[in-house]
Amino acid sequence: MGKALNIRQDYTADDLRQLARKSRDADWSRRLLALSVIYEDGSRSLAA
């Protein structure tokens, strides 16, 4: 299994979802939504 990464604390899951809604780049929006799941203690498989 890989190493755990530190997650930035200056954004919340809600902030990331809001940024995803405003983004016009679909790939970037998907990444932000996946991170929002992880910020809420979701599993990596759920985020994928």
N, C-alpha and C. Protein backbone atom coordinates (compact mmCIF):
# COMPACT_ATOMS: atom_id res chain seq x y z
N MET A 1 0.85 -1.17 0.00
CA MET A 1 0.00 0.00 0.00
C MET A 1 0.90 1.24 0.00
N GLY A 2 0.44 2.31 -0.63
CA GLY A 2 1.22 3.54 -0.72
C GLY A 2 1.22 4.32 0.58
N LYS A 3 2.03 5.36 0.57
CA LYS A 3 2.14 6.23 1.74
C LYS A 3 0.94 7.17 1.82
N ALA A 4 0.57 7.52 3.03
CA ALA A 4 -0.49 8.50 3.23
C ALA A 4 0.04 9.89 2.91
N LEU A 5 -0.80 10.69 2.33
CA LEU A 5 -0.43 12.07 2.01
C LEU A 5 -1.11 13.01 2.99
N ASN A 6 -0.45 14.11 3.27
CA ASN A 6 -1.07 15.14 4.09
C ASN A 6 -2.09 15.90 3.25
N ILE A 7 -3.24 16.16 3.83
CA ILE A 7 -4.30 16.89 3.14
C ILE A 7 -4.31 18.32 3.66
N ARG A 8 -4.43 19.24 2.73
CA ARG A 8 -4.48 20.65 3.12
C ARG A 8 -5.69 20.90 4.01
N GLN A 9 -5.52 21.75 4.98
CA GLN A 9 -6.60 22.05 5.91
C GLN A 9 -7.28 23.38 5.63
N ASP A 10 -6.83 24.09 4.59
CA ASP A 10 -7.43 25.40 4.31
C ASP A 10 -8.67 25.31 3.41
N TYR A 11 -9.05 24.11 2.97
CA TYR A 11 -10.27 23.89 2.21
C TYR A 11 -11.11 22.84 2.90
N THR A 12 -12.40 22.98 2.82
CA THR A 12 -13.31 21.96 3.34
C THR A 12 -13.90 21.20 2.15
N ALA A 13 -14.59 20.12 2.44
CA ALA A 13 -15.25 19.34 1.38
C ALA A 13 -16.26 20.22 0.65
N ASP A 14 -16.98 21.05 1.39
CA ASP A 14 -17.95 21.96 0.76
C ASP A 14 -17.26 22.95 -0.16
N ASP A 15 -16.11 23.47 0.26
CA ASP A 15 -15.35 24.39 -0.59
C ASP A 15 -14.95 23.72 -1.91
N LEU A 16 -14.51 22.48 -1.83
CA LEU A 16 -14.09 21.76 -3.03
C LEU A 16 -15.26 21.50 -3.97
N ARG A 17 -16.42 21.15 -3.40
CA ARG A 17 -17.60 20.94 -4.24
C ARG A 17 -18.04 22.24 -4.92
N GLN A 18 -17.92 23.33 -4.20
CA GLN A 18 -18.26 24.64 -4.77
C GLN A 18 -17.31 24.99 -5.92
N LEU A 19 -16.03 24.75 -5.73
CA LEU A 19 -15.06 24.99 -6.80
C LEU A 19 -15.33 24.09 -8.00
N ALA A 20 -15.73 22.85 -7.75
CA ALA A 20 -16.03 21.92 -8.85
C ALA A 20 -17.22 22.42 -9.66
N ARG A 21 -18.23 22.97 -8.99
CA ARG A 21 -19.40 23.50 -9.71
C ARG A 21 -19.03 24.68 -10.60
N LYS A 22 -18.08 25.49 -10.15
CA LYS A 22 -17.69 26.69 -10.90
C LYS A 22 -16.72 26.39 -12.03
N SER A 23 -16.06 25.25 -11.98
CA SER A 23 -15.05 24.92 -12.97
C SER A 23 -15.69 24.56 -14.31
N ARG A 24 -15.02 24.93 -15.38
CA ARG A 24 -15.48 24.57 -16.72
C ARG A 24 -14.70 23.39 -17.27
N ASP A 25 -13.74 22.88 -16.50
CA ASP A 25 -12.92 21.75 -16.89
C ASP A 25 -13.45 20.48 -16.21
N ALA A 26 -14.00 19.57 -16.99
CA ALA A 26 -14.64 18.37 -16.43
C ALA A 26 -13.65 17.51 -15.64
N ASP A 27 -12.42 17.36 -16.15
CA ASP A 27 -11.43 16.55 -15.44
C ASP A 27 -11.10 17.15 -14.08
N TRP A 28 -10.92 18.46 -14.05
CA TRP A 28 -10.61 19.15 -12.80
C TRP A 28 -11.78 19.01 -11.82
N SER A 29 -13.00 19.14 -12.31
CA SER A 29 -14.18 19.00 -11.45
C SER A 29 -14.24 17.61 -10.83
N ARG A 30 -13.95 16.57 -11.62
CA ARG A 30 -13.96 15.20 -11.10
C ARG A 30 -12.91 15.03 -10.01
N ARG A 31 -11.74 15.61 -10.21
CA ARG A 31 -10.69 15.52 -9.19
C ARG A 31 -11.12 16.20 -7.89
N LEU A 32 -11.71 17.38 -8.03
CA LEU A 32 -12.16 18.11 -6.84
C LEU A 32 -13.25 17.33 -6.10
N LEU A 33 -14.18 16.74 -6.85
CA LEU A 33 -15.24 15.96 -6.22
C LEU A 33 -14.68 14.72 -5.52
N ALA A 34 -13.69 14.08 -6.12
CA ALA A 34 -13.05 12.93 -5.48
C ALA A 34 -12.36 13.35 -4.19
N LEU A 35 -11.69 14.47 -4.22
CA LEU A 35 -11.03 14.97 -3.01
C LEU A 35 -12.05 15.32 -1.93
N SER A 36 -13.20 15.85 -2.33
CA SER A 36 -14.21 16.19 -1.33
C SER A 36 -14.70 14.94 -0.60
N VAL A 37 -14.79 13.82 -1.30
CA VAL A 37 -15.17 12.55 -0.66
C VAL A 37 -14.10 12.15 0.35
N ILE A 38 -12.85 12.27 -0.02
CA ILE A 38 -11.75 11.90 0.86
C ILE A 38 -11.70 12.82 2.08
N TYR A 39 -11.97 14.10 1.89
CA TYR A 39 -11.99 15.05 3.01
C TYR A 39 -13.05 14.67 4.04
N GLU A 40 -14.11 14.01 3.59
CA GLU A 40 -15.17 13.59 4.51
C GLU A 40 -14.97 12.17 5.00
N ASP A 41 -13.72 11.70 4.96
CA ASP A 41 -13.33 10.38 5.44
C ASP A 41 -13.94 9.24 4.63
N GLY A 42 -14.24 9.50 3.36
CA GLY A 42 -14.70 8.44 2.47
C GLY A 42 -13.52 7.59 2.03
N SER A 43 -13.81 6.43 1.50
CA SER A 43 -12.75 5.53 1.08
C SER A 43 -12.18 5.96 -0.27
N ARG A 44 -10.99 5.50 -0.57
CA ARG A 44 -10.39 5.81 -1.87
C ARG A 44 -11.18 5.19 -3.00
N SER A 45 -11.73 4.00 -2.77
CA SER A 45 -12.52 3.36 -3.82
C SER A 45 -13.81 4.12 -4.07
N LEU A 46 -14.42 4.68 -3.04
CA LEU A 46 -15.61 5.50 -3.22
C LEU A 46 -15.26 6.77 -3.99
N ALA A 47 -14.12 7.36 -3.70
CA ALA A 47 -13.69 8.57 -4.40
C ALA A 47 -13.39 8.28 -5.86
N ALA A 48 -12.92 7.08 -6.14
CA ALA A 48 -12.60 6.72 -7.52
C ALA A 48 -13.86 6.54 -8.31
